Amino acid sequence: MGRLGALLLLLLLLALSACEGWSTRHPTHGTHLSASDYDQSCGADSDCVLVTTGDQCTCGCPSEAINKGDQARFNQDKAAITCAPTSVACGASCIAVTAACSGGTCVTRSGP
């Protein structure tokens, strides 16, 4: 392969990388995180915290609850995901929810 061929191959690889959005995916979750992958057991409302689940590379709102003891692992998993830079500001209007314990499971409830 000549210099021109090598240059074309390099440009092709860069273009494909751009199509992938330059995101680094978590080895287990991709760019999606789900509360069901974390401890959701509880004995009281104070055991639960809100987390933003779903695709971590899009705008999101706190939508599910997990046990506060697993919050550090959730945050580590979230930090392991690198998303493509975007110039679009997130204008999501979030519905007010709170974390609560219901029947031994962390859940979300509407309202503050």
Protein backbone atom coordinates (compact mmCIF):
# COMPACT_ATOMS: atom_id res chain seq x y z
CA MET A 1 0.00 0.00 0.00
CA GLY A 2 1.41 3.34 -1.02
CA ARG A 3 1.34 6.58 0.89
CA LEU A 4 -1.90 7.61 -0.80
CA GLY A 5 -3.55 4.30 0.15
CA ALA A 6 -2.41 4.63 3.76
CA LEU A 7 -3.72 8.20 3.89
CA LEU A 8 -7.08 7.13 2.46
CA LEU A 9 -7.30 4.29 5.00
CA LEU A 10 -6.55 6.70 7.82
CA LEU A 11 -9.22 9.12 6.59
CA LEU A 12 -11.73 6.27 6.34
CA LEU A 13 -11.00 5.19 9.91
CA LEU A 14 -11.40 8.76 11.16
CA ALA A 15 -14.71 9.11 9.32
CA LEU A 16 -15.98 5.85 10.82
CA SER A 17 -14.94 7.02 14.27
CA ALA A 18 -16.90 10.23 13.74
CA CYS A 19 -19.97 8.18 12.87
CA GLU A 20 -19.61 6.32 16.13
CA GLY A 21 -19.86 9.67 17.93
CA TRP A 22 -16.49 9.26 19.64
CA SER A 23 -18.25 7.75 22.64
CA THR A 24 -16.52 5.34 24.96
CA ARG A 25 -18.91 2.65 26.01
CA HIS A 26 -19.04 1.02 29.43
CA PRO A 27 -17.99 -2.63 28.92
CA THR A 28 -21.23 -4.01 30.36
CA HIS A 29 -23.83 -1.30 29.82
CA GLY A 30 -22.79 0.46 26.61
CA THR A 31 -23.99 4.03 27.07
CA HIS A 32 -27.20 2.95 28.85
CA LEU A 33 -27.55 2.55 32.60
CA SER A 34 -30.55 0.89 34.23
CA ALA A 35 -31.59 0.91 37.88
CA SER A 36 -32.23 -2.83 37.68
CA ASP A 37 -28.46 -3.38 37.43
CA TYR A 38 -28.02 -1.91 40.93
CA ASP A 39 -29.30 -2.66 44.41
CA GLN A 40 -32.85 -1.36 44.75
CA SER A 41 -33.64 -2.90 48.14
CA CYS A 42 -34.66 -0.61 51.00
CA GLY A 43 -36.22 -0.43 54.42
CA ALA A 44 -37.03 3.30 54.44
CA ASP A 45 -37.24 6.24 52.00
CA SER A 46 -33.86 7.46 53.24
CA ASP A 47 -32.22 4.30 51.81
CA CYS A 48 -33.02 5.45 48.25
CA VAL A 49 -31.48 8.02 45.89
CA LEU A 50 -32.50 9.25 42.44
CA VAL A 51 -30.39 8.42 39.39
CA THR A 52 -30.64 9.36 35.74
CA THR A 53 -30.97 6.15 33.76
CA GLY A 54 -31.12 5.41 30.05
CA ASP A 55 -28.67 6.65 27.45
CA GLN A 56 -26.06 8.67 29.33
CA CYS A 57 -25.07 10.47 26.11
CA THR A 58 -28.40 12.29 25.80
CA CYS A 59 -30.23 14.76 27.99
CA GLY A 60 -31.95 13.06 30.85
CA CYS A 61 -33.70 13.61 34.12
CA PRO A 62 -33.58 11.62 37.35
CA SER A 63 -35.97 8.82 36.49
CA GLU A 64 -35.33 5.83 38.76
CA ALA A 65 -34.20 5.10 42.30
CA ILE A 66 -31.51 2.81 43.68
CA ASN A 67 -30.18 2.02 47.14
CA LYS A 68 -27.83 4.80 48.28
CA GLY A 69 -25.24 2.13 49.09
CA ASP A 70 -24.89 1.43 45.35
CA GLN A 71 -24.76 5.09 44.28
CA ALA A 72 -20.94 5.14 44.17
CA ARG A 73 -20.90 2.14 41.78
CA PHE A 74 -23.57 3.81 39.60
CA ASN A 75 -21.49 7.01 39.50
CA GLN A 76 -18.33 5.03 38.60
CA ASP A 77 -20.18 3.27 35.77
CA LYS A 78 -21.50 6.62 34.54
CA ALA A 79 -18.01 8.16 34.72
CA ALA A 80 -16.65 5.29 32.58
CA ILE A 81 -18.81 6.48 29.67
CA THR A 82 -17.40 9.25 27.50
CA CYS A 83 -19.87 10.89 25.16
CA ALA A 84 -19.20 12.79 21.97
CA PRO A 85 -18.97 16.54 22.47
CA THR A 86 -22.14 18.38 21.52
CA SER A 87 -22.92 22.02 21.02
CA VAL A 88 -26.61 21.47 21.69
CA ALA A 89 -27.68 22.66 25.12
CA CYS A 90 -29.85 20.32 27.12
CA GLY A 91 -33.20 21.98 27.53
CA ALA A 92 -34.99 19.11 29.20
CA SER A 93 -37.72 20.08 31.61
CA CYS A 94 -37.67 17.49 34.32
CA ILE A 95 -40.75 16.35 36.20
CA ALA A 96 -40.20 16.61 39.94
CA VAL A 97 -39.81 13.14 41.43
CA THR A 98 -38.53 11.84 44.74
CA ALA A 99 -36.92 8.57 45.73
CA ALA A 100 -39.03 6.43 48.02
CA CYS A 101 -39.16 2.93 49.47
CA SER A 102 -42.22 0.88 48.59
CA GLY A 103 -42.55 -2.77 49.58
CA GLY A 104 -38.81 -3.07 50.14
CA THR A 105 -37.88 -1.64 46.71
CA CYS A 106 -36.60 1.82 45.81
CA VAL A 107 -39.07 3.58 43.50
CA THR A 108 -39.81 7.10 42.29
CA ARG A 109 -42.85 9.10 43.27
CA SER A 110 -44.20 12.21 41.56
CA GLY A 111 -43.76 15.51 43.33
CA PRO A 112 -41.21 17.01 45.67
